[in-house]
Amino acid sequence: KKNPKIDLSRQGGILLNIGMAVSLLLVIVAFEWRS
């Protein structure tokens, strides 16, 4: 039996969205950063 609290498959969609948002933010910061 698996513990539902540690089942990563249920949180895969949320983690994927968070990763895509962070990647997009890093790309925007890289293009908009001026020195």
Full PDB file with SEQRES, HELIX, SHEET, SSBOND, CRYST1, ORIGX, SCALE, CONECT and MASTER records, all heavy atoms in Angstrom:
SEQRES   1 A   35  LYS LYS ASN PRO LYS ILE ASP LEU SER ARG GLN GLY GLY          
SEQRES   2 A   35  ILE LEU LEU ASN ILE GLY MET ALA VAL SER LEU LEU LEU          
SEQRES   3 A   35  VAL ILE VAL ALA PHE GLU TRP ARG SER                          
HELIX    1 AA1 PRO A    4  ILE A    6  5                                   3    
HELIX    2 AA2 LEU A    8  GLN A   11  5                                   4    
HELIX    3 AA3 GLY A   12  GLU A   32  1                                  21    
CRYST1    1.000    1.000    1.000  90.00  90.00  90.00 P 1           1          
ORIGX1      1.000000  0.000000  0.000000        0.00000                         
ORIGX2      0.000000  1.000000  0.000000        0.00000                         
ORIGX3      0.000000  0.000000  1.000000        0.00000                         
SCALE1      1.000000  0.000000  0.000000        0.00000                         
SCALE2      0.000000  1.000000  0.000000        0.00000                         
SCALE3      0.000000  0.000000  1.000000        0.00000                         
ATOM      1  N   LYS A   1       0.838  -1.196   0.000  1.00  0.00           N  
ATOM      2  CA  LYS A   1       0.000   0.000   0.000  1.00  0.00           C  
ATOM      3  C   LYS A   1       0.864   1.233   0.000  1.00  0.00           C  
ATOM      4  O   LYS A   1       1.866   1.276   0.676  1.00  0.00           O  
ATOM      5  CB  LYS A   1      -0.905   0.006   1.232  1.00  0.00           C  
ATOM      6  CG  LYS A   1      -1.889  -1.138   1.252  1.00  0.00           C  
ATOM      7  CD  LYS A   1      -2.794  -1.055   2.461  1.00  0.00           C  
ATOM      8  CE  LYS A   1      -3.809  -2.192   2.502  1.00  0.00           C  
ATOM      9  NZ  LYS A   1      -4.690  -2.154   3.685  1.00  0.00           N  
ATOM     10  N   LYS A   2       0.444   2.253  -0.807  1.00  0.00           N  
ATOM     11  CA  LYS A   2       1.184   3.519  -0.898  1.00  0.00           C  
ATOM     12  C   LYS A   2       0.504   4.564  -0.064  1.00  0.00           C  
ATOM     13  O   LYS A   2      -0.725   4.653  -0.010  1.00  0.00           O  
ATOM     14  CB  LYS A   2       1.267   4.020  -2.336  1.00  0.00           C  
ATOM     15  CG  LYS A   2       2.071   3.099  -3.233  1.00  0.00           C  
ATOM     16  CD  LYS A   2       2.137   3.661  -4.637  1.00  0.00           C  
ATOM     17  CE  LYS A   2       2.928   2.749  -5.552  1.00  0.00           C  
ATOM     18  NZ  LYS A   2       3.032   3.292  -6.930  1.00  0.00           N  
ATOM     19  N   ASN A   3       1.386   5.411   0.516  1.00  0.00           N  
ATOM     20  CA  ASN A   3       0.842   6.510   1.289  1.00  0.00           C  
ATOM     21  C   ASN A   3       0.437   7.624   0.347  1.00  0.00           C  
ATOM     22  O   ASN A   3       1.238   8.131  -0.439  1.00  0.00           O  
ATOM     23  CB  ASN A   3       1.906   7.006   2.278  1.00  0.00           C  
ATOM     24  CG  ASN A   3       1.301   7.997   3.265  1.00  0.00           C  
ATOM     25  OD1 ASN A   3       0.119   8.353   3.214  1.00  0.00           O  
ATOM     26  ND2 ASN A   3       2.114   8.395   4.245  1.00  0.00           N  
ATOM     27  N   PRO A   4      -0.804   8.036   0.362  1.00  0.00           N  
ATOM     28  CA  PRO A   4      -1.246   9.089  -0.576  1.00  0.00           C  
ATOM     29  C   PRO A   4      -0.548  10.426  -0.389  1.00  0.00           C  
ATOM     30  O   PRO A   4      -0.503  11.237  -1.277  1.00  0.00           O  
ATOM     31  CB  PRO A   4      -2.751   9.192  -0.291  1.00  0.00           C  
ATOM     32  CG  PRO A   4      -2.965   8.588   1.051  1.00  0.00           C  
ATOM     33  CD  PRO A   4      -1.896   7.572   1.258  1.00  0.00           C  
ATOM     34  N   LYS A   5       0.045  10.675   0.754  1.00  0.00           N  
ATOM     35  CA  LYS A   5       0.706  11.948   0.968  1.00  0.00           C  
ATOM     36  C   LYS A   5       2.028  12.021   0.248  1.00  0.00           C  
ATOM     37  O   LYS A   5       2.497  13.114  -0.054  1.00  0.00           O  
ATOM     38  CB  LYS A   5       0.913  12.184   2.471  1.00  0.00           C  
ATOM     39  CG  LYS A   5      -0.372  12.353   3.249  1.00  0.00           C  
ATOM     40  CD  LYS A   5      -0.111  12.611   4.719  1.00  0.00           C  
ATOM     41  CE  LYS A   5      -1.399  12.786   5.525  1.00  0.00           C  
ATOM     42  NZ  LYS A   5      -1.155  13.053   6.972  1.00  0.00           N  
ATOM     43  N   ILE A   6       2.652  10.860   0.047  1.00  0.00           N  
ATOM     44  CA  ILE A   6       3.955  10.856  -0.613  1.00  0.00           C  
ATOM     45  C   ILE A   6       3.852  10.401  -2.059  1.00  0.00           C  
ATOM     46  O   ILE A   6       4.864  10.095  -2.695  1.00  0.00           O  
ATOM     47  CB  ILE A   6       4.944   9.963   0.183  1.00  0.00           C  
ATOM     48  CG1 ILE A   6       4.447   8.514   0.239  1.00  0.00           C  
ATOM     49  CG2 ILE A   6       5.189  10.527   1.572  1.00  0.00           C  
ATOM     50  CD1 ILE A   6       5.434   7.550   0.920  1.00  0.00           C  
ATOM     51  N   ASP A   7       2.645  10.380  -2.587  1.00  0.00           N  
ATOM     52  CA  ASP A   7       2.449   9.985  -4.003  1.00  0.00           C  
ATOM     53  C   ASP A   7       2.773  11.180  -4.898  1.00  0.00           C  
ATOM     54  O   ASP A   7       2.015  12.177  -4.920  1.00  0.00           O  
ATOM     55  CB  ASP A   7       1.003   9.519  -4.200  1.00  0.00           C  
ATOM     56  CG  ASP A   7       0.837   8.874  -5.563  1.00  0.00           C  
ATOM     57  OD1 ASP A   7       1.843   8.733  -6.310  1.00  0.00           O  
ATOM     58  OD2 ASP A   7      -0.338   8.535  -5.918  1.00  0.00           O  
ATOM     59  N   LEU A   8       3.921  11.076  -5.575  1.00  0.00           N  
ATOM     60  CA  LEU A   8       4.372  12.214  -6.416  1.00  0.00           C  
ATOM     61  C   LEU A   8       3.580  12.352  -7.706  1.00  0.00           C  
ATOM     62  O   LEU A   8       3.569  13.424  -8.327  1.00  0.00           O  
ATOM     63  CB  LEU A   8       5.872  12.045  -6.734  1.00  0.00           C  
ATOM     64  CG  LEU A   8       6.802  12.050  -5.518  1.00  0.00           C  
ATOM     65  CD1 LEU A   8       8.236  11.806  -5.960  1.00  0.00           C  
ATOM     66  CD2 LEU A   8       6.671  13.347  -4.752  1.00  0.00           C  
ATOM     67  N   SER A   9       2.970  11.316  -8.139  1.00  0.00           N  
ATOM     68  CA  SER A   9       2.222  11.398  -9.404  1.00  0.00           C  
ATOM     69  C   SER A   9       1.040  12.344  -9.307  1.00  0.00           C  
ATOM     70  O   SER A   9       0.616  12.942 -10.291  1.00  0.00           O  
ATOM     71  CB  SER A   9       1.744   9.998  -9.813  1.00  0.00           C  
ATOM     72  OG  SER A   9       0.897   9.448  -8.785  1.00  0.00           O  
ATOM     73  N   ARG A  10       0.531  12.529  -8.163  1.00  0.00           N  
ATOM     74  CA  ARG A  10      -0.600  13.434  -7.997  1.00  0.00           C  
ATOM     75  C   ARG A  10      -0.156  14.885  -8.095  1.00  0.00           C  
ATOM     76  O   ARG A  10      -0.909  15.759  -8.452  1.00  0.00           O  
ATOM     77  CB  ARG A  10      -1.276  13.181  -6.650  1.00  0.00           C  
ATOM     78  CG  ARG A  10      -1.871  11.766  -6.544  1.00  0.00           C  
ATOM     79  CD  ARG A  10      -2.475  11.546  -5.189  1.00  0.00           C  
ATOM     80  NE  ARG A  10      -3.531  12.526  -4.926  1.00  0.00           N  
ATOM     81  CZ  ARG A  10      -4.177  12.611  -3.771  1.00  0.00           C  
ATOM     82  NH1 ARG A  10      -3.855  11.816  -2.744  1.00  0.00           N  
ATOM     83  NH2 ARG A  10      -5.127  13.517  -3.609  1.00  0.00           N  
ATOM     84  N   GLN A  11       1.098  15.219  -7.728  1.00  0.00           N  
ATOM     85  CA  GLN A  11       1.591  16.592  -7.771  1.00  0.00           C  
ATOM     86  C   GLN A  11       2.459  16.871  -9.002  1.00  0.00           C  
ATOM     87  O   GLN A  11       3.117  17.887  -9.082  1.00  0.00           O  
ATOM     88  CB  GLN A  11       2.403  16.865  -6.496  1.00  0.00           C  
ATOM     89  CG  GLN A  11       1.595  16.714  -5.227  1.00  0.00           C  
ATOM     90  CD  GLN A  11       2.414  16.947  -3.987  1.00  0.00           C  
ATOM     91  OE1 GLN A  11       3.626  17.169  -4.083  1.00  0.00           O  
ATOM     92  NE2 GLN A  11       1.771  16.886  -2.806  1.00  0.00           N  
ATOM     93  N   GLY A  12       2.478  15.941  -9.958  1.00  0.00           N  
ATOM     94  CA  GLY A  12       3.316  16.156 -11.162  1.00  0.00           C  
ATOM     95  C   GLY A  12       2.872  17.343 -11.998  1.00  0.00           C  
ATOM     96  O   GLY A  12       3.676  18.111 -12.504  1.00  0.00           O  
ATOM     97  N   GLY A  13       1.584  17.540 -12.128  1.00  0.00           N  
ATOM     98  CA  GLY A  13       1.097  18.675 -12.941  1.00  0.00           C  
ATOM     99  C   GLY A  13       1.430  20.009 -12.335  1.00  0.00           C  
ATOM    100  O   GLY A  13       1.802  20.966 -13.015  1.00  0.00           O  
ATOM    101  N   ILE A  14       1.336  20.087 -10.979  1.00  0.00           N  
ATOM    102  CA  ILE A  14       1.630  21.361 -10.320  1.00  0.00           C  
ATOM    103  C   ILE A  14       3.105  21.671 -10.438  1.00  0.00           C  
ATOM    104  O   ILE A  14       3.506  22.809 -10.706  1.00  0.00           O  
ATOM    105  CB  ILE A  14       1.198  21.293  -8.865  1.00  0.00           C  
ATOM    106  CG1 ILE A  14      -0.321  21.068  -8.767  1.00  0.00           C  
ATOM    107  CG2 ILE A  14       1.587  22.555  -8.119  1.00  0.00           C  
ATOM    108  CD1 ILE A  14      -0.830  20.820  -7.361  1.00  0.00           C  
ATOM    109  N   LEU A  15       3.952  20.675 -10.269  1.00  0.00           N  
ATOM    110  CA  LEU A  15       5.398  20.910 -10.372  1.00  0.00           C  
ATOM    111  C   LEU A  15       5.808  21.314 -11.778  1.00  0.00           C  
ATOM    112  O   LEU A  15       6.687  22.157 -11.982  1.00  0.00           O  
ATOM    113  CB  LEU A  15       6.149  19.644  -9.922  1.00  0.00           C  
ATOM    114  CG  LEU A  15       5.979  19.256  -8.451  1.00  0.00           C  
ATOM    115  CD1 LEU A  15       6.676  17.919  -8.158  1.00  0.00           C  
ATOM    116  CD2 LEU A  15       6.521  20.337  -7.524  1.00  0.00           C  
ATOM    117  N   LEU A  16       5.132  20.696 -12.755  1.00  0.00           N  
ATOM    118  CA  LEU A  16       5.449  21.053 -14.152  1.00  0.00           C  
ATOM    119  C   LEU A  16       5.117  22.514 -14.432  1.00  0.00           C  
ATOM    120  O   LEU A  16       5.882  23.242 -15.059  1.00  0.00           O  
ATOM    121  CB  LEU A  16       4.696  20.131 -15.099  1.00  0.00           C  
ATOM    122  CG  LEU A  16       4.916  20.389 -16.588  1.00  0.00           C  
ATOM    123  CD1 LEU A  16       6.388  20.186 -16.957  1.00  0.00           C  
ATOM    124  CD2 LEU A  16       4.021  19.440 -17.425  1.00  0.00           C  
ATOM    125  N   ASN A  17       3.993  22.985 -13.944  1.00  0.00           N  
ATOM    126  CA  ASN A  17       3.595  24.381 -14.183  1.00  0.00           C  
ATOM    127  C   ASN A  17       4.541  25.342 -13.479  1.00  0.00           C  
ATOM    128  O   ASN A  17       4.882  26.400 -13.987  1.00  0.00           O  
ATOM    129  CB  ASN A  17       2.161  24.609 -13.692  1.00  0.00           C  
ATOM    130  CG  ASN A  17       1.154  23.846 -14.551  1.00  0.00           C  
ATOM    131  OD1 ASN A  17       1.421  23.562 -15.715  1.00  0.00           O  
ATOM    132  ND2 ASN A  17       0.009  23.499 -13.973  1.00  0.00           N  
ATOM    133  N   ILE A  18       4.962  24.953 -12.240  1.00  0.00           N  
ATOM    134  CA  ILE A  18       5.878  25.829 -11.506  1.00  0.00           C  
ATOM    135  C   ILE A  18       7.211  25.907 -12.221  1.00  0.00           C  
ATOM    136  O   ILE A  18       7.816  26.983 -12.364  1.00  0.00           O  
ATOM    137  CB  ILE A  18       6.050  25.314 -10.071  1.00  0.00           C  
ATOM    138  CG1 ILE A  18       4.727  25.448  -9.301  1.00  0.00           C  
ATOM    139  CG2 ILE A  18       7.152  26.074  -9.354  1.00  0.00           C  
ATOM    140  CD1 ILE A  18       4.749  24.784  -7.911  1.00  0.00           C  
ATOM    141  N   GLY A  19       7.686  24.793 -12.789  1.00  0.00           N  
ATOM    142  CA  GLY A  19       8.976  24.797 -13.496  1.00  0.00           C  
ATOM    143  C   GLY A  19       8.935  25.654 -14.765  1.00  0.00           C  
ATOM    144  O   GLY A  19       9.871  26.386 -15.057  1.00  0.00           O  
ATOM    145  N   MET A  20       7.819  25.541 -15.480  1.00  0.00           N  
ATOM    146  CA  MET A  20       7.689  26.347 -16.707  1.00  0.00           C  
ATOM    147  C   MET A  20       7.622  27.832 -16.378  1.00  0.00           C  
ATOM    148  O   MET A  20       8.192  28.656 -17.074  1.00  0.00           O  
ATOM    149  CB  MET A  20       6.429  25.921 -17.480  1.00  0.00           C  
ATOM    150  CG  MET A  20       6.540  24.505 -18.075  1.00  0.00           C  
ATOM    151  SD  MET A  20       5.058  24.039 -18.959  1.00  0.00           S  
ATOM    152  CE  MET A  20       5.103  25.239 -20.258  1.00  0.00           C  
ATOM    153  N   ALA A  21       6.947  28.210 -15.290  1.00  0.00           N  
ATOM    154  CA  ALA A  21       6.850  29.616 -14.907  1.00  0.00           C  
ATOM    155  C   ALA A  21       8.197  30.165 -14.521  1.00  0.00           C  
ATOM    156  O   ALA A  21       8.567  31.293 -14.885  1.00  0.00           O  
ATOM    157  CB  ALA A  21       5.845  29.771 -13.760  1.00  0.00           C  
ATOM    158  N   VAL A  22       8.990  29.354 -13.770  1.00  0.00           N  
ATOM    159  CA  VAL A  22      10.323  29.817 -13.368  1.00  0.00           C  
ATOM    160  C   VAL A  22      11.221  29.968 -14.573  1.00  0.00           C  
ATOM    161  O   VAL A  22      11.977  30.937 -14.695  1.00  0.00           O  
ATOM    162  CB  VAL A  22      10.926  28.828 -12.334  1.00  0.00           C  
ATOM    163  CG1 VAL A  22      12.378  29.161 -12.039  1.00  0.00           C  
ATOM    164  CG2 VAL A  22      10.111  28.852 -11.044  1.00  0.00           C  
ATOM    165  N   SER A  23      11.125  29.016 -15.503  1.00  0.00           N  
ATOM    166  CA  SER A  23      11.977  29.108 -16.712  1.00  0.00           C  
ATOM    167  C   SER A  23      11.638  30.344 -17.538  1.00  0.00           C  
ATOM    168  O   SER A  23      12.515  31.060 -18.017  1.00  0.00           O  
ATOM    169  CB  SER A  23      11.799  27.835 -17.551  1.00  0.00           C  
ATOM    170  OG  SER A  23      12.188  26.696 -16.802  1.00  0.00           O  
ATOM    171  N   LEU A  24      10.347  30.610 -17.674  1.00  0.00           N  
ATOM    172  CA  LEU A  24       9.921  31.793 -18.432  1.00  0.00           C  
ATOM    173  C   LEU A  24      10.388  33.058 -17.775  1.00  0.00           C  
ATOM    174  O   LEU A  24      10.809  34.017 -18.430  1.00  0.00           O  
ATOM    175  CB  LEU A  24       8.401  31.774 -18.589  1.00  0.00           C  
ATOM    176  CG  LEU A  24       7.801  32.918 -19.390  1.00  0.00           C  
ATOM    177  CD1 LEU A  24       8.328  32.905 -20.835  1.00  0.00           C  
ATOM    178  CD2 LEU A  24       6.260  32.812 -19.424  1.00  0.00           C  
ATOM    179  N   LEU A  25      10.341  33.090 -16.439  1.00  0.00           N  
ATOM    180  CA  LEU A  25      10.776  34.289 -15.726  1.00  0.00           C  
ATOM    181  C   LEU A  25      12.262  34.511 -15.910  1.00  0.00           C  
ATOM    182  O   LEU A  25      12.702  35.647 -16.097  1.00  0.00           O  
ATOM    183  CB  LEU A  25      10.428  34.140 -14.238  1.00  0.00           C  
ATOM    184  CG  LEU A  25      10.809  35.306 -13.328  1.00  0.00           C  
ATOM    185  CD1 LEU A  25      10.069  36.569 -13.752  1.00  0.00           C  
ATOM    186  CD2 LEU A  25      10.487  34.976 -11.855  1.00  0.00           C  
ATOM    187  N   LEU A  26      13.056  33.426 -15.867  1.00  0.00           N  
ATOM    188  CA  LEU A  26      14.499  33.566 -16.066  1.00  0.00           C  
ATOM    189  C   LEU A  26      14.826  34.076 -17.474  1.00  0.00           C  
ATOM    190  O   LEU A  26      15.730  34.875 -17.656  1.00  0.00           O  
ATOM    191  CB  LEU A  26      15.181  32.215 -15.800  1.00  0.00           C  
ATOM    192  CG  LEU A  26      15.157  31.731 -14.347  1.00  0.00           C  
ATOM    193  CD1 LEU A  26      15.765  30.330 -14.254  1.00  0.00           C  
ATOM    194  CD2 LEU A  26      15.903  32.687 -13.428  1.00  0.00           C  
ATOM    195  N   VAL A  27      14.077  33.611 -18.457  1.00  0.00           N  
ATOM    196  CA  VAL A  27      14.326  34.075 -19.836  1.00  0.00           C  
ATOM    197  C   VAL A  27      14.024  35.557 -19.969  1.00  0.00           C  
ATOM    198  O   VAL A  27      14.768  36.328 -20.575  1.00  0.00           O  
ATOM    199  CB  VAL A  27      13.501  33.247 -20.833  1.00  0.00           C  
ATOM    200  CG1 VAL A  27      13.588  33.859 -22.224  1.00  0.00           C  
ATOM    201  CG2 VAL A  27      13.990  31.806 -20.852  1.00  0.00           C  
ATOM    202  N   ILE A  28      12.917  36.001 -19.362  1.00  0.00           N  
ATOM    203  CA  ILE A  28      12.545  37.421 -19.461  1.00  0.00           C  
ATOM    204  C   ILE A  28      13.587  38.281 -18.774  1.00  0.00           C  
ATOM    205  O   ILE A  28      14.005  39.329 -19.270  1.00  0.00           O  
ATOM    206  CB  ILE A  28      11.151  37.640 -18.857  1.00  0.00           C  
ATOM    207  CG1 ILE A  28      10.106  36.924 -19.721  1.00  0.00           C  
ATOM    208  CG2 ILE A  28      10.824  39.123 -18.744  1.00  0.00           C  
ATOM    209  CD1 ILE A  28       8.703  36.940 -19.121  1.00  0.00           C  
ATOM    210  N   VAL A  29      14.061  37.843 -17.580  1.00  0.00           N  
ATOM    211  CA  VAL A  29      15.070  38.616 -16.854  1.00  0.00           C  
ATOM    212  C   VAL A  29      16.353  38.676 -17.634  1.00  0.00           C  
ATOM    213  O   VAL A  29      17.032  39.708 -17.691  1.00  0.00           O  
ATOM    214  CB  VAL A  29      15.290  38.001 -15.452  1.00  0.00           C  
ATOM    215  CG1 VAL A  29      16.484  38.645 -14.765  1.00  0.00           C  
ATOM    216  CG2 VAL A  29      14.037  38.153 -14.590  1.00  0.00           C  
ATOM    217  N   ALA A  30      16.719  37.588 -18.312  1.00  0.00           N  
ATOM    218  CA  ALA A  30      17.971  37.569 -19.085  1.00  0.00           C  
ATOM    219  C   ALA A  30      17.931  38.561 -20.245  1.00  0.00           C  
ATOM    220  O   ALA A  30      18.927  39.216 -20.547  1.00  0.00           O  
ATOM    221  CB  ALA A  30      18.244  36.152 -19.573  1.00  0.00           C  
ATOM    222  N   PHE A  31      16.764  38.670 -20.897  1.00  0.00           N  
ATOM    223  CA  PHE A  31      16.663  39.589 -22.047  1.00  0.00           C  
ATOM    224  C   PHE A  31      16.516  41.032 -21.612  1.00  0.00           C  
ATOM    225  O   PHE A  31      16.955  41.938 -22.305  1.00  0.00           O  
ATOM    226  CB  PHE A  31      15.470  39.198 -22.939  1.00  0.00           C  
ATOM    227  CG  PHE A  31      15.783  38.058 -23.877  1.00  0.00           C  
ATOM    228  CD1 PHE A  31      15.382  36.768 -23.585  1.00  0.00           C  
ATOM    229  CD2 PHE A  31      16.491  38.282 -25.051  1.00  0.00           C  
ATOM    230  CE1 PHE A  31      15.674  35.726 -24.436  1.00  0.00           C  
ATOM    231  CE2 PHE A  31      16.786  37.240 -25.902  1.00  0.00           C  
ATOM    232  CZ  PHE A  31      16.387  35.945 -25.606  1.00  0.00           C  
ATOM    233  N   GLU A  32      15.903  41.265 -20.457  1.00  0.00           N  
ATOM    234  CA  GLU A  32      15.641  42.631 -20.039  1.00  0.00           C  
ATOM    235  C   GLU A  32      16.739  43.195 -19.158  1.00  0.00           C  
ATOM    236  O   GLU A  32      16.743  44.377 -18.840  1.00  0.00           O  
ATOM    237  CB  GLU A  32      14.310  42.682 -19.269  1.00  0.00           C  
ATOM    238  CG  GLU A  32      13.093  42.376 -20.116  1.00  0.00           C  
ATOM    239  CD  GLU A  32      12.894  43.430 -21.174  1.00  0.00           C  
ATOM    240  OE1 GLU A  32      13.262  44.607 -20.923  1.00  0.00           O  
ATOM    241  OE2 GLU A  32      12.356  43.102 -22.261  1.00  0.00           O  
ATOM    242  N   TRP A  33      17.712  42.416 -18.729  1.00  0.00           N  
ATOM    243  CA  TRP A  33      18.776  42.896 -17.836  1.00  0.00           C  
ATOM    244  C   TRP A  33      19.736  43.773 -18.599  1.00  0.00           C  
ATOM    245  O   TRP A  33      20.198  43.429 -19.663  1.00  0.00           O  
ATOM    246  CB  TRP A  33      19.514  41.692 -17.230  1.00  0.00           C  
ATOM    247  CG  TRP A  33      20.554  42.123 -16.237  1.00  0.00           C  
ATOM    248  CD1 TRP A  33      21.858  42.335 -16.446  1.00  0.00           C  
ATOM    249  CD2 TRP A  33      20.346  42.393 -14.880  1.00  0.00           C  
ATOM    250  NE1 TRP A  33      22.501  42.738 -15.339  1.00  0.00           N  
ATOM    251  CE2 TRP A  33      21.566  42.783 -14.305  1.00  0.00           C  
ATOM    252  CE3 TRP A  33      19.196  42.343 -14.030  1.00  0.00           C  
ATOM    253  CZ2 TRP A  33      21.699  43.105 -12.956  1.00  0.00           C  
ATOM    254  CZ3 TRP A  33      19.373  42.672 -12.692  1.00  0.00           C  
ATOM    255  CH2 TRP A  33      20.599  43.056 -12.180  1.00  0.00           C  
ATOM    256  N   ARG A  34      20.035  44.951 -18.145  1.00  0.00           N  
ATOM    257  CA  ARG A  34      20.939  45.924 -18.768  1.00  0.00           C  
ATOM    258  C   ARG A  34      22.020  46.279 -17.790  1.00  0.00           C  
ATOM    259  O   ARG A  34      21.757  46.457 -16.600  1.00  0.00           O  
ATOM    260  CB  ARG A  34      20.178  47.185 -19.181  1.00  0.00           C  
ATOM    261  CG  ARG A  34      19.134  46.931 -20.254  1.00  0.00           C  
ATOM    262  CD  ARG A  34      18.443  48.215 -20.598  1.00  0.00           C  
ATOM    263  NE  ARG A  34      17.415  47.993 -21.596  1.00  0.00           N  
ATOM    264  CZ  ARG A  34      16.626  48.957 -22.086  1.00  0.00           C  
ATOM    265  NH1 ARG A  34      16.777  50.210 -21.637  1.00  0.00           N  
ATOM    266  NH2 ARG A  34      15.715  48.677 -22.976  1.00  0.00           N  
ATOM    267  N   SER A  35      23.238  46.439 -18.319  1.00  0.00           N  
ATOM    268  CA  SER A  35      24.377  46.825 -17.492  1.00  0.00           C  
ATOM    269  C   SER A  35      24.962  48.113 -18.018  1.00  0.00           C  
ATOM    270  O   SER A  35      25.027  48.317 -19.227  1.00  0.00           O  
ATOM    271  CB  SER A  35      25.445  45.717 -17.497  1.00  0.00           C  
ATOM    272  OG  SER A  35      25.922  45.513 -18.794  1.00  0.00           O  
TER     273      SER A  35                                                      
MASTER        0    0    0    3    0    0    0    6  272    1    0    3          
END                                                                             
